[in-house]
């Protein structure tokens, strides 16, 4: 699983779907921006003492899913 590649695929798909004809892609800028957003969301969950360990992991997996990043089969229940 390459997070930057997954985020880049999502970005390209969104651009195509919005029917833009001319566009420039800075893969690092796009991935870094989304990655920072994800890390910030994950950090908030980790800092929140109201979550049990299980619930924190569940919320983190949900963040990955929101960004269309595969979490693998270990969390498939």
PDB file of N, CA and C in Angstrom:
ATOM      1  N   UNK A   1       0.843  -1.172   0.000  1.00  0.00           N
ATOM      2  CA  UNK A   1       0.000   0.000   0.000  1.00  0.00           C
ATOM      3  C   UNK A   1       0.890   1.237   0.000  1.00  0.00           C
ATOM      4  N   UNK A   2       0.816   2.022  -1.041  1.00  0.00           N
ATOM      5  CA  UNK A   2       1.557   3.265  -1.165  1.00  0.00           C
ATOM      6  C   UNK A   2       0.558   4.407  -1.035  1.00  0.00           C
ATOM      7  N   UNK A   3       0.578   5.067   0.113  1.00  0.00           N
ATOM      8  CA  UNK A   3      -0.427   6.086   0.420  1.00  0.00           C
ATOM      9  C   UNK A   3      -0.384   7.223  -0.592  1.00  0.00           C
ATOM     10  N   UNK A   4       0.809   7.710  -0.937  1.00  0.00           N
ATOM     11  CA  UNK A   4       0.885   8.816  -1.902  1.00  0.00           C
ATOM     12  C   UNK A   4       0.278   8.413  -3.243  1.00  0.00           C
ATOM     13  N   UNK A   5       0.539   7.186  -3.680  1.00  0.00           N
ATOM     14  CA  UNK A   5      -0.016   6.723  -4.946  1.00  0.00           C
ATOM     15  C   UNK A   5      -1.533   6.627  -4.868  1.00  0.00           C
ATOM     16  N   UNK A   6      -2.063   6.117  -3.764  1.00  0.00           N
ATOM     17  CA  UNK A   6      -3.508   6.026  -3.590  1.00  0.00           C
ATOM     18  C   UNK A   6      -4.146   7.420  -3.610  1.00  0.00           C
ATOM     19  N   UNK A   7      -3.541   8.360  -2.904  1.00  0.00           N
ATOM     20  CA  UNK A   7      -4.072   9.722  -2.873  1.00  0.00           C
ATOM     21  C   UNK A   7      -3.993  10.379  -4.245  1.00  0.00           C
ATOM     22  N   UNK A   8      -2.930  10.098  -4.976  1.00  0.00           N
ATOM     23  CA  UNK A   8      -2.792  10.642  -6.324  1.00  0.00           C
ATOM     24  C   UNK A   8      -3.874  10.082  -7.245  1.00  0.00           C
ATOM     25  N   UNK A   9      -4.162   8.784  -7.130  1.00  0.00           N
ATOM     26  CA  UNK A   9      -5.212   8.172  -7.943  1.00  0.00           C
ATOM     27  C   UNK A   9      -6.562   8.839  -7.669  1.00  0.00           C
ATOM     28  N   UNK A  10      -6.853   9.093  -6.407  1.00  0.00           N
ATOM     29  CA  UNK A  10      -8.112   9.736  -6.041  1.00  0.00           C
ATOM     30  C   UNK A  10      -8.188  11.130  -6.655  1.00  0.00           C
ATOM     31  N   UNK A  11      -7.088  11.865  -6.547  1.00  0.00           N
ATOM     32  CA  UNK A  11      -7.064  13.224  -7.085  1.00  0.00           C
ATOM     33  C   UNK A  11      -7.294  13.213  -8.599  1.00  0.00           C
ATOM     34  N   UNK A  12      -6.604  12.347  -9.304  1.00  0.00           N
ATOM     35  CA  UNK A  12      -6.741  12.278 -10.760  1.00  0.00           C
ATOM     36  C   UNK A  12      -8.173  11.916 -11.141  1.00  0.00           C
ATOM     37  N   UNK A  13      -8.748  10.977 -10.432  1.00  0.00           N
ATOM     38  CA  UNK A  13     -10.128  10.579 -10.694  1.00  0.00           C
ATOM     39  C   UNK A  13     -11.090  11.753 -10.509  1.00  0.00           C
ATOM     40  N   UNK A  14     -10.899  12.510  -9.444  1.00  0.00           N
ATOM     41  CA  UNK A  14     -11.750  13.678  -9.193  1.00  0.00           C
ATOM     42  C   UNK A  14     -11.620  14.708 -10.306  1.00  0.00           C
ATOM     43  N   UNK A  15     -10.400  14.927 -10.773  1.00  0.00           N
ATOM     44  CA  UNK A  15     -10.180  15.901 -11.848  1.00  0.00           C
ATOM     45  C   UNK A  15     -10.884  15.443 -13.122  1.00  0.00           C
ATOM     46  N   UNK A  16     -10.752  14.173 -13.447  1.00  0.00           N
ATOM     47  CA  UNK A  16     -11.396  13.648 -14.651  1.00  0.00           C
ATOM     48  C   UNK A  16     -12.910  13.747 -14.525  1.00  0.00           C
ATOM     49  N   UNK A  17     -13.419  13.393 -13.352  1.00  0.00           N
ATOM     50  CA  UNK A  17     -14.864  13.442 -13.143  1.00  0.00           C
ATOM     51  C   UNK A  17     -15.428  14.847 -13.272  1.00  0.00           C
ATOM     52  N   UNK A  18     -14.674  15.834 -12.904  1.00  0.00           N
ATOM     53  CA  UNK A  18     -15.171  17.206 -13.024  1.00  0.00           C
ATOM     54  C   UNK A  18     -14.950  17.776 -14.423  1.00  0.00           C
ATOM     55  N   UNK A  19     -14.444  16.949 -15.333  1.00  0.00           N
ATOM     56  CA  UNK A  19     -14.295  17.271 -16.755  1.00  0.00           C
ATOM     57  C   UNK A  19     -13.387  18.467 -17.021  1.00  0.00           C
ATOM     58  N   UNK A  20     -12.334  18.559 -16.266  1.00  0.00           N
ATOM     59  CA  UNK A  20     -11.356  19.594 -16.544  1.00  0.00           C
ATOM     60  C   UNK A  20     -10.495  19.157 -17.730  1.00  0.00           C
ATOM     61  N   UNK A  21     -10.247  20.071 -18.632  1.00  0.00           N
ATOM     62  CA  UNK A  21      -9.468  19.725 -19.803  1.00  0.00           C
ATOM     63  C   UNK A  21      -7.968  19.925 -19.575  1.00  0.00           C
ATOM     64  N   UNK A  22      -7.592  21.045 -19.014  1.00  0.00           N
ATOM     65  CA  UNK A  22      -6.173  21.332 -18.799  1.00  0.00           C
ATOM     66  C   UNK A  22      -5.919  21.407 -17.305  1.00  0.00           C
ATOM     67  N   UNK A  23      -4.942  20.648 -16.851  1.00  0.00           N
ATOM     68  CA  UNK A  23      -4.600  20.698 -15.438  1.00  0.00           C
ATOM     69  C   UNK A  23      -3.154  20.280 -15.235  1.00  0.00           C
ATOM     70  N   UNK A  24      -2.583  20.782 -14.164  1.00  0.00           N
ATOM     71  CA  UNK A  24      -1.229  20.414 -13.777  1.00  0.00           C
ATOM     72  C   UNK A  24      -1.323  19.649 -12.473  1.00  0.00           C
ATOM     73  N   UNK A  25      -0.471  18.663 -12.322  1.00  0.00           N
ATOM     74  CA  UNK A  25      -0.497  17.843 -11.116  1.00  0.00           C
ATOM     75  C   UNK A  25       0.863  17.900 -10.437  1.00  0.00           C
ATOM     76  N   UNK A  26       0.851  18.308  -9.186  1.00  0.00           N
ATOM     77  CA  UNK A  26       2.036  18.236  -8.344  1.00  0.00           C
ATOM     78  C   UNK A  26       1.762  17.137  -7.320  1.00  0.00           C
ATOM     79  N   UNK A  27       2.175  15.927  -7.633  1.00  0.00           N
ATOM     80  CA  UNK A  27       1.828  14.760  -6.820  1.00  0.00           C
ATOM     81  C   UNK A  27       2.235  14.930  -5.358  1.00  0.00           C
ATOM     82  N   UNK A  28       3.407  15.461  -5.118  1.00  0.00           N
ATOM     83  CA  UNK A  28       3.865  15.629  -3.736  1.00  0.00           C
ATOM     84  C   UNK A  28       2.989  16.615  -2.981  1.00  0.00           C
ATOM     85  N   UNK A  29       2.638  17.714  -3.613  1.00  0.00           N
ATOM     86  CA  UNK A  29       1.800  18.716  -2.946  1.00  0.00           C
ATOM     87  C   UNK A  29       0.421  18.137  -2.623  1.00  0.00           C
ATOM     88  N   UNK A  30      -0.162  17.430  -3.565  1.00  0.00           N
ATOM     89  CA  UNK A  30      -1.482  16.838  -3.356  1.00  0.00           C
ATOM     90  C   UNK A  30      -1.434  15.801  -2.241  1.00  0.00           C
ATOM     91  N   UNK A  31      -0.503  14.890  -2.331  1.00  0.00           N
ATOM     92  CA  UNK A  31      -0.396  13.821  -1.336  1.00  0.00           C
ATOM     93  C   UNK A  31      -0.038  14.376   0.030  1.00  0.00           C
ATOM     94  N   UNK A  32       0.890  15.307   0.076  1.00  0.00           N
ATOM     95  CA  UNK A  32       1.295  15.876   1.367  1.00  0.00           C
ATOM     96  C   UNK A  32       0.135  16.606   2.028  1.00  0.00           C
ATOM     97  N   UNK A  33      -0.648  17.317   1.252  1.00  0.00           N
ATOM     98  CA  UNK A  33      -1.787  18.033   1.808  1.00  0.00           C
ATOM     99  C   UNK A  33      -2.796  17.056   2.405  1.00  0.00           C
ATOM    100  N   UNK A  34      -3.171  16.033   1.651  1.00  0.00           N
ATOM    101  CA  UNK A  34      -4.107  15.034   2.153  1.00  0.00           C
ATOM    102  C   UNK A  34      -3.512  14.253   3.310  1.00  0.00           C
ATOM    103  N   UNK A  35      -2.241  13.949   3.209  1.00  0.00           N
ATOM    104  CA  UNK A  35      -1.581  13.197   4.282  1.00  0.00           C
ATOM    105  C   UNK A  35      -1.580  13.997   5.578  1.00  0.00           C
ATOM    106  N   UNK A  36      -1.316  15.296   5.485  1.00  0.00           N
ATOM    107  CA  UNK A  36      -1.326  16.139   6.683  1.00  0.00           C
ATOM    108  C   UNK A  36      -2.726  16.184   7.278  1.00  0.00           C
ATOM    109  N   UNK A  37      -3.744  16.260   6.442  1.00  0.00           N
ATOM    110  CA  UNK A  37      -5.120  16.246   6.939  1.00  0.00           C
ATOM    111  C   UNK A  37      -5.411  14.943   7.675  1.00  0.00           C
ATOM    112  N   UNK A  38      -4.994  13.833   7.076  1.00  0.00           N
ATOM    113  CA  UNK A  38      -5.212  12.527   7.709  1.00  0.00           C
ATOM    114  C   UNK A  38      -4.481  12.427   9.043  1.00  0.00           C
ATOM    115  N   UNK A  39      -3.241  12.839   9.056  1.00  0.00           N
ATOM    116  CA  UNK A  39      -2.445  12.750  10.287  1.00  0.00           C
ATOM    117  C   UNK A  39      -3.061  13.613  11.380  1.00  0.00           C
ATOM    118  N   UNK A  40      -3.554  14.770  11.019  1.00  0.00           N
ATOM    119  CA  UNK A  40      -4.197  15.644  12.003  1.00  0.00           C
ATOM    120  C   UNK A  40      -5.435  14.976  12.585  1.00  0.00           C
ATOM    121  N   UNK A  41      -6.243  14.354  11.729  1.00  0.00           N
ATOM    122  CA  UNK A  41      -7.427  13.651  12.206  1.00  0.00           C
ATOM    123  C   UNK A  41      -7.056  12.476  13.117  1.00  0.00           C
ATOM    124  N   UNK A  42      -6.045  11.735  12.727  1.00  0.00           N
ATOM    125  CA  UNK A  42      -5.598  10.587  13.525  1.00  0.00           C
ATOM    126  C   UNK A  42      -5.036  11.057  14.857  1.00  0.00           C
ATOM    127  N   UNK A  43      -4.280  12.145  14.839  1.00  0.00           N
ATOM    128  CA  UNK A  43      -3.699  12.681  16.074  1.00  0.00           C
ATOM    129  C   UNK A  43      -4.801  13.057  17.068  1.00  0.00           C
ATOM    130  N   UNK A  44      -5.877  13.665  16.589  1.00  0.00           N
ATOM    131  CA  UNK A  44      -6.983  14.035  17.474  1.00  0.00           C
ATOM    132  C   UNK A  44      -7.571  12.804  18.156  1.00  0.00           C
ATOM    133  N   UNK A  45      -7.704  11.730  17.405  1.00  0.00           N
ATOM    134  CA  UNK A  45      -8.258  10.499  17.970  1.00  0.00           C
ATOM    135  C   UNK A  45      -7.309   9.918  19.013  1.00  0.00           C
ATOM    136  N   UNK A  46      -6.028   9.888  18.705  1.00  0.00           N
ATOM    137  CA  UNK A  46      -5.049   9.311  19.629  1.00  0.00           C
ATOM    138  C   UNK A  46      -4.990  10.111  20.927  1.00  0.00           C
ATOM    139  N   UNK A  47      -5.125  11.424  20.831  1.00  0.00           N
ATOM    140  CA  UNK A  47      -5.074  12.278  22.022  1.00  0.00           C
ATOM    141  C   UNK A  47      -6.345  12.215  22.864  1.00  0.00           C
ATOM    142  N   UNK A  48      -7.443  11.780  22.266  1.00  0.00           N
ATOM    143  CA  UNK A  48      -8.735  11.754  22.961  1.00  0.00           C
ATOM    144  C   UNK A  48      -8.794  10.544  23.895  1.00  0.00           C
ATOM    145  N   UNK A  49      -8.730  10.798  25.176  1.00  0.00           N
ATOM    146  CA  UNK A  49      -8.721   9.723  26.163  1.00  0.00           C
ATOM    147  C   UNK A  49     -10.085   9.061  26.340  1.00  0.00           C
ATOM    148  N   UNK A  50     -11.106   9.590  25.710  1.00  0.00           N
ATOM    149  CA  UNK A  50     -12.439   9.003  25.804  1.00  0.00           C
ATOM    150  C   UNK A  50     -12.582   7.735  24.959  1.00  0.00           C
ATOM    151  N   UNK A  51     -11.655   7.527  24.026  1.00  0.00           N
ATOM    152  CA  UNK A  51     -11.689   6.326  23.192  1.00  0.00           C
ATOM    153  C   UNK A  51     -10.964   5.183  23.884  1.00  0.00           C
ATOM    154  N   UNK A  52     -11.552   3.986  23.826  1.00  0.00           N
ATOM    155  CA  UNK A  52     -10.812   2.785  24.210  1.00  0.00           C
ATOM    156  C   UNK A  52      -9.823   2.501  23.075  1.00  0.00           C
ATOM    157  N   UNK A  53      -8.867   1.634  23.308  1.00  0.00           N
ATOM    158  CA  UNK A  53      -7.910   1.297  22.244  1.00  0.00           C
ATOM    159  C   UNK A  53      -8.646   0.783  21.011  1.00  0.00           C
ATOM    160  N   UNK A  54      -9.608  -0.104  21.229  1.00  0.00           N
ATOM    161  CA  UNK A  54     -10.359  -0.666  20.105  1.00  0.00           C
ATOM    162  C   UNK A  54     -11.100   0.427  19.345  1.00  0.00           C
ATOM    163  N   UNK A  55     -11.791   1.299  20.064  1.00  0.00           N
ATOM    164  CA  UNK A  55     -12.553   2.367  19.415  1.00  0.00           C
ATOM    165  C   UNK A  55     -11.644   3.343  18.672  1.00  0.00           C
ATOM    166  N   UNK A  56     -10.470   3.612  19.225  1.00  0.00           N
ATOM    167  CA  UNK A  56      -9.519   4.505  18.548  1.00  0.00           C
ATOM    168  C   UNK A  56      -9.080   3.896  17.216  1.00  0.00           C
ATOM    169  N   UNK A  57      -8.765   2.602  17.231  1.00  0.00           N
ATOM    170  CA  UNK A  57      -8.360   1.936  15.989  1.00  0.00           C
ATOM    171  C   UNK A  57      -9.516   1.958  14.987  1.00  0.00           C
ATOM    172  N   UNK A  58     -10.724   1.708  15.465  1.00  0.00           N
ATOM    173  CA  UNK A  58     -11.897   1.744  14.593  1.00  0.00           C
ATOM    174  C   UNK A  58     -12.024   3.111  13.924  1.00  0.00           C
ATOM    175  N   UNK A  59     -11.873   4.174  14.679  1.00  0.00           N
ATOM    176  CA  UNK A  59     -11.967   5.529  14.128  1.00  0.00           C
ATOM    177  C   UNK A  59     -10.843   5.811  13.136  1.00  0.00           C
ATOM    178  N   UNK A  60      -9.646   5.336  13.424  1.00  0.00           N
ATOM    179  CA  UNK A  60      -8.509   5.530  12.520  1.00  0.00           C
ATOM    180  C   UNK A  60      -8.751   4.795  11.211  1.00  0.00           C
ATOM    181  N   UNK A  61      -9.273   3.581  11.285  1.00  0.00           N
ATOM    182  CA  UNK A  61      -9.598   2.826  10.070  1.00  0.00           C
ATOM    183  C   UNK A  61     -10.651   3.587   9.263  1.00  0.00           C
ATOM    184  N   UNK A  62     -11.613   4.174   9.932  1.00  0.00           N
ATOM    185  CA  UNK A  62     -12.640   4.963   9.240  1.00  0.00           C
ATOM    186  C   UNK A  62     -12.028   6.155   8.502  1.00  0.00           C
ATOM    187  N   UNK A  63     -11.011   6.753   9.090  1.00  0.00           N
ATOM    188  CA  UNK A  63     -10.310   7.860   8.423  1.00  0.00           C
ATOM    189  C   UNK A  63      -9.659   7.361   7.144  1.00  0.00           C
ATOM    190  N   UNK A  64      -8.959   6.233   7.237  1.00  0.00           N
ATOM    191  CA  UNK A  64      -8.342   5.662   6.039  1.00  0.00           C
ATOM    192  C   UNK A  64      -9.403   5.388   4.970  1.00  0.00           C
ATOM    193  N   UNK A  65     -10.531   4.853   5.368  1.00  0.00           N
ATOM    194  CA  UNK A  65     -11.595   4.554   4.412  1.00  0.00           C
ATOM    195  C   UNK A  65     -12.140   5.829   3.770  1.00  0.00           C
ATOM    196  N   UNK A  66     -12.261   6.910   4.558  1.00  0.00           N
ATOM    197  CA  UNK A  66     -12.738   8.189   4.005  1.00  0.00           C
ATOM    198  C   UNK A  66     -11.818   8.698   2.907  1.00  0.00           C
ATOM    199  N   UNK A  67     -10.538   8.407   3.049  1.00  0.00           N
ATOM    200  CA  UNK A  67      -9.566   8.829   2.040  1.00  0.00           C
ATOM    201  C   UNK A  67      -9.337   7.738   0.993  1.00  0.00           C
ATOM    202  N   UNK A  68     -10.203   6.719   1.005  1.00  0.00           N
ATOM    203  CA  UNK A  68     -10.132   5.608   0.037  1.00  0.00           C
ATOM    204  C   UNK A  68      -8.792   4.889   0.054  1.00  0.00           C
ATOM    205  N   UNK A  69      -8.254   4.681   1.241  1.00  0.00           N
ATOM    206  CA  UNK A  69      -7.000   3.950   1.397  1.00  0.00           C
ATOM    207  C   UNK A  69      -7.316   2.598   2.013  1.00  0.00           C
ATOM    208  N   UNK A  70      -6.888   1.548   1.337  1.00  0.00           N
ATOM    209  CA  UNK A  70      -7.164   0.184   1.748  1.00  0.00           C
ATOM    210  C   UNK A  70      -6.479  -0.138   3.077  1.00  0.00           C
ATOM    211  N   UNK A  71      -7.241  -0.687   4.001  1.00  0.00           N
ATOM    212  CA  UNK A  71      -6.695  -1.073   5.309  1.00  0.00           C
ATOM    213  C   UNK A  71      -6.371  -2.556   5.368  1.00  0.00           C
ATOM    214  N   UNK A  72      -6.585  -3.260   4.303  1.00  0.00           N
ATOM    215  CA  UNK A  72      -6.306  -4.683   4.295  1.00  0.00           C
ATOM    216  C   UNK A  72      -7.436  -5.489   4.913  1.00  0.00           C
ATOM    217  N   UNK A  73      -7.178  -6.765   5.078  1.00  0.00           N
ATOM    218  CA  UNK A  73      -8.217  -7.680   5.540  1.00  0.00           C
ATOM    219  C   UNK A  73      -8.292  -7.824   7.049  1.00  0.00           C
ATOM    220  N   UNK A  74      -7.298  -7.347   7.786  1.00  0.00           N
ATOM    221  CA  UNK A  74      -7.259  -7.546   9.235  1.00  0.00           C
ATOM    222  C   UNK A  74      -8.419  -6.861   9.967  1.00  0.00           C
ATOM    223  N   UNK A  75      -8.987  -5.870   9.366  1.00  0.00           N
ATOM    224  CA  UNK A  75     -10.050  -5.117  10.023  1.00  0.00           C
ATOM    225  C   UNK A  75     -11.418  -5.399   9.409  1.00  0.00           C
ATOM    226  N   UNK A  76     -11.534  -6.475   8.676  1.00  0.00           N
ATOM    227  CA  UNK A  76     -12.764  -6.797   7.955  1.00  0.00           C
ATOM    228  C   UNK A  76     -13.695  -7.602   8.861  1.00  0.00           C
ATOM    229  N   UNK A  77     -14.424  -6.893   9.742  1.00  0.00           N
ATOM    230  CA  UNK A  77     -15.395  -7.580  10.606  1.00  0.00           C
ATOM    231  C   UNK A  77     -16.601  -6.724  10.857  1.00  0.00           C
TER     232      UNK A  77
END
